[in-house]
C-alpha cells in the first residue's frame, strides 16, 4: 500500500463533503488526486471499503459514487485496520 496515494484519495473524499452531499465519481477522485482511476477503484475496494458508502447510478454500469461514512478519520481508520490485520495474522 502506498500511504501517500491513500492520503490523497482520503483528502479528495473529505474535500467533497460540502459538495453534492460528499458524493464523488471515481473519475472525479482520480482527477483531483492525479491517480489512475483503476488505482483509485483498487484502493477504494481494498483499503477503504469499510470507511466509504457507495451508490451505483445504474445496475451493471461502472459509474460508482462514493463518499466517506460519517465519523471516520484517516488515522483512526488506519489504526483500527492494522489492529484487525494483526489479530488475523494477515
C-alpha atoms as a PDB file:
ATOM      1  CA  UNK A   1       0.000   0.000   0.000  1.00  0.00           C
ATOM      2  CA  UNK A   2       1.246   3.450  -0.918  1.00  0.00           C
ATOM      3  CA  UNK A   3       0.150   5.580   2.052  1.00  0.00           C
ATOM      4  CA  UNK A   4       0.631   8.786   0.081  1.00  0.00           C
ATOM      5  CA  UNK A   5      -1.941   7.656  -2.503  1.00  0.00           C
ATOM      6  CA  UNK A   6      -4.293   6.598   0.265  1.00  0.00           C
ATOM      7  CA  UNK A   7      -3.993  10.012   1.924  1.00  0.00           C
ATOM      8  CA  UNK A   8      -4.602  11.808  -1.392  1.00  0.00           C
ATOM      9  CA  UNK A   9      -7.753   9.762  -2.017  1.00  0.00           C
ATOM     10  CA  UNK A  10      -8.960  10.343   1.561  1.00  0.00           C
ATOM     11  CA  UNK A  11      -8.374  14.102   1.266  1.00  0.00           C
ATOM     12  CA  UNK A  12     -10.317  14.214  -2.006  1.00  0.00           C
ATOM     13  CA  UNK A  13     -13.239  12.471  -0.295  1.00  0.00           C
ATOM     14  CA  UNK A  14     -13.013  14.788   2.722  1.00  0.00           C
ATOM     15  CA  UNK A  15     -12.895  17.823   0.454  1.00  0.00           C
ATOM     16  CA  UNK A  16     -16.104  16.721  -1.231  1.00  0.00           C
ATOM     17  CA  UNK A  17     -18.171  16.685   1.980  1.00  0.00           C
ATOM     18  CA  UNK A  18     -19.632  20.122   1.224  1.00  0.00           C
ATOM     19  CA  UNK A  19     -20.242  19.323  -2.442  1.00  0.00           C
ATOM     20  CA  UNK A  20     -23.177  17.183  -3.583  1.00  0.00           C
ATOM     21  CA  UNK A  21     -23.527  15.764  -0.066  1.00  0.00           C
ATOM     22  CA  UNK A  22     -19.996  14.402  -0.364  1.00  0.00           C
ATOM     23  CA  UNK A  23     -20.578  12.032  -3.293  1.00  0.00           C
ATOM     24  CA  UNK A  24     -17.809  11.776  -5.882  1.00  0.00           C
ATOM     25  CA  UNK A  25     -17.396   9.707  -9.022  1.00  0.00           C
ATOM     26  CA  UNK A  26     -14.252   7.588  -9.106  1.00  0.00           C
ATOM     27  CA  UNK A  27     -13.177   9.650 -12.144  1.00  0.00           C
ATOM     28  CA  UNK A  28     -13.502  12.847 -10.064  1.00  0.00           C
ATOM     29  CA  UNK A  29     -11.307  11.367  -7.339  1.00  0.00           C
ATOM     30  CA  UNK A  30      -8.753  10.339  -9.966  1.00  0.00           C
ATOM     31  CA  UNK A  31      -8.744  13.828 -11.471  1.00  0.00           C
ATOM     32  CA  UNK A  32      -8.394  15.559  -8.083  1.00  0.00           C
ATOM     33  CA  UNK A  33      -5.580  13.284  -6.939  1.00  0.00           C
ATOM     34  CA  UNK A  34      -3.720  12.659 -10.184  1.00  0.00           C
ATOM     35  CA  UNK A  35      -4.049   8.905  -9.581  1.00  0.00           C
ATOM     36  CA  UNK A  36      -5.173   6.483 -12.300  1.00  0.00           C
ATOM     37  CA  UNK A  37      -8.922   5.659 -11.967  1.00  0.00           C
ATOM     38  CA  UNK A  38      -8.182   1.911 -11.863  1.00  0.00           C
ATOM     39  CA  UNK A  39      -5.813   2.507  -8.948  1.00  0.00           C
ATOM     40  CA  UNK A  40      -8.412   4.666  -7.191  1.00  0.00           C
ATOM     41  CA  UNK A  41     -11.000   1.880  -7.525  1.00  0.00           C
ATOM     42  CA  UNK A  42      -8.477  -0.650  -6.216  1.00  0.00           C
ATOM     43  CA  UNK A  43      -7.733   1.460  -3.123  1.00  0.00           C
ATOM     44  CA  UNK A  44     -11.445   2.003  -2.505  1.00  0.00           C
ATOM     45  CA  UNK A  45     -12.148  -1.726  -2.796  1.00  0.00           C
ATOM     46  CA  UNK A  46      -9.144  -2.982  -0.834  1.00  0.00           C
ATOM     47  CA  UNK A  47      -8.241  -0.332   1.732  1.00  0.00           C
ATOM     48  CA  UNK A  48     -11.208   1.998   2.202  1.00  0.00           C
ATOM     49  CA  UNK A  49     -14.089  -0.446   1.828  1.00  0.00           C
ATOM     50  CA  UNK A  50     -15.224  -0.062   5.468  1.00  0.00           C
ATOM     51  CA  UNK A  51     -14.896   3.752   5.510  1.00  0.00           C
ATOM     52  CA  UNK A  52     -16.945   4.561   2.410  1.00  0.00           C
ATOM     53  CA  UNK A  53     -20.527   4.386   1.290  1.00  0.00           C
ATOM     54  CA  UNK A  54     -21.243   3.529  -2.326  1.00  0.00           C
ATOM     55  CA  UNK A  55     -24.047   4.300  -4.679  1.00  0.00           C
ATOM     56  CA  UNK A  56     -24.364   2.861  -8.176  1.00  0.00           C
ATOM     57  CA  UNK A  57     -26.215   5.028 -10.644  1.00  0.00           C
ATOM     58  CA  UNK A  58     -27.308   2.212 -12.940  1.00  0.00           C
ATOM     59  CA  UNK A  59     -27.044  -1.535 -12.366  1.00  0.00           C
ATOM     60  CA  UNK A  60     -24.328  -3.154 -14.435  1.00  0.00           C
ATOM     61  CA  UNK A  61     -22.634   0.142 -15.283  1.00  0.00           C
ATOM     62  CA  UNK A  62     -19.377   1.008 -13.522  1.00  0.00           C
ATOM     63  CA  UNK A  63     -20.363   4.556 -12.600  1.00  0.00           C
ATOM     64  CA  UNK A  64     -19.834   4.495  -8.863  1.00  0.00           C
ATOM     65  CA  UNK A  65     -20.395   7.344  -6.473  1.00  0.00           C
ATOM     66  CA  UNK A  66     -18.560   7.150  -3.173  1.00  0.00           C
ATOM     67  CA  UNK A  67     -18.314   9.212  -0.015  1.00  0.00           C
ATOM     68  CA  UNK A  68     -16.826   8.850   3.427  1.00  0.00           C
ATOM     69  CA  UNK A  69     -19.079   7.465   6.120  1.00  0.00           C
ATOM     70  CA  UNK A  70     -19.684   9.924   8.950  1.00  0.00           C
ATOM     71  CA  UNK A  71     -17.361   9.707  11.922  1.00  0.00           C
ATOM     72  CA  UNK A  72     -14.279   8.318  10.191  1.00  0.00           C
ATOM     73  CA  UNK A  73     -10.871   9.934  10.382  1.00  0.00           C
ATOM     74  CA  UNK A  74      -7.923   8.565   8.445  1.00  0.00           C
ATOM     75  CA  UNK A  75      -5.544   7.958  11.349  1.00  0.00           C
ATOM     76  CA  UNK A  76      -8.181   6.178  13.461  1.00  0.00           C
ATOM     77  CA  UNK A  77      -9.297   4.130  10.487  1.00  0.00           C
ATOM     78  CA  UNK A  78      -5.752   3.004   9.640  1.00  0.00           C
ATOM     79  CA  UNK A  79      -5.015   2.093  13.277  1.00  0.00           C
ATOM     80  CA  UNK A  80      -8.192   0.022  13.529  1.00  0.00           C
ATOM     81  CA  UNK A  81      -7.469  -1.679  10.214  1.00  0.00           C
ATOM     82  CA  UNK A  82      -3.914  -2.510  11.304  1.00  0.00           C
ATOM     83  CA  UNK A  83      -5.162  -3.918  14.620  1.00  0.00           C
ATOM     84  CA  UNK A  84      -7.610  -6.201  12.832  1.00  0.00           C
ATOM     85  CA  UNK A  85      -4.897  -7.285  10.417  1.00  0.00           C
ATOM     86  CA  UNK A  86      -2.570  -8.143  13.322  1.00  0.00           C
ATOM     87  CA  UNK A  87      -5.289 -10.164  15.056  1.00  0.00           C
ATOM     88  CA  UNK A  88      -6.000 -12.149  11.894  1.00  0.00           C
ATOM     89  CA  UNK A  89      -2.285 -12.659  11.339  1.00  0.00           C
ATOM     90  CA  UNK A  90      -2.515 -11.444   7.768  1.00  0.00           C
END
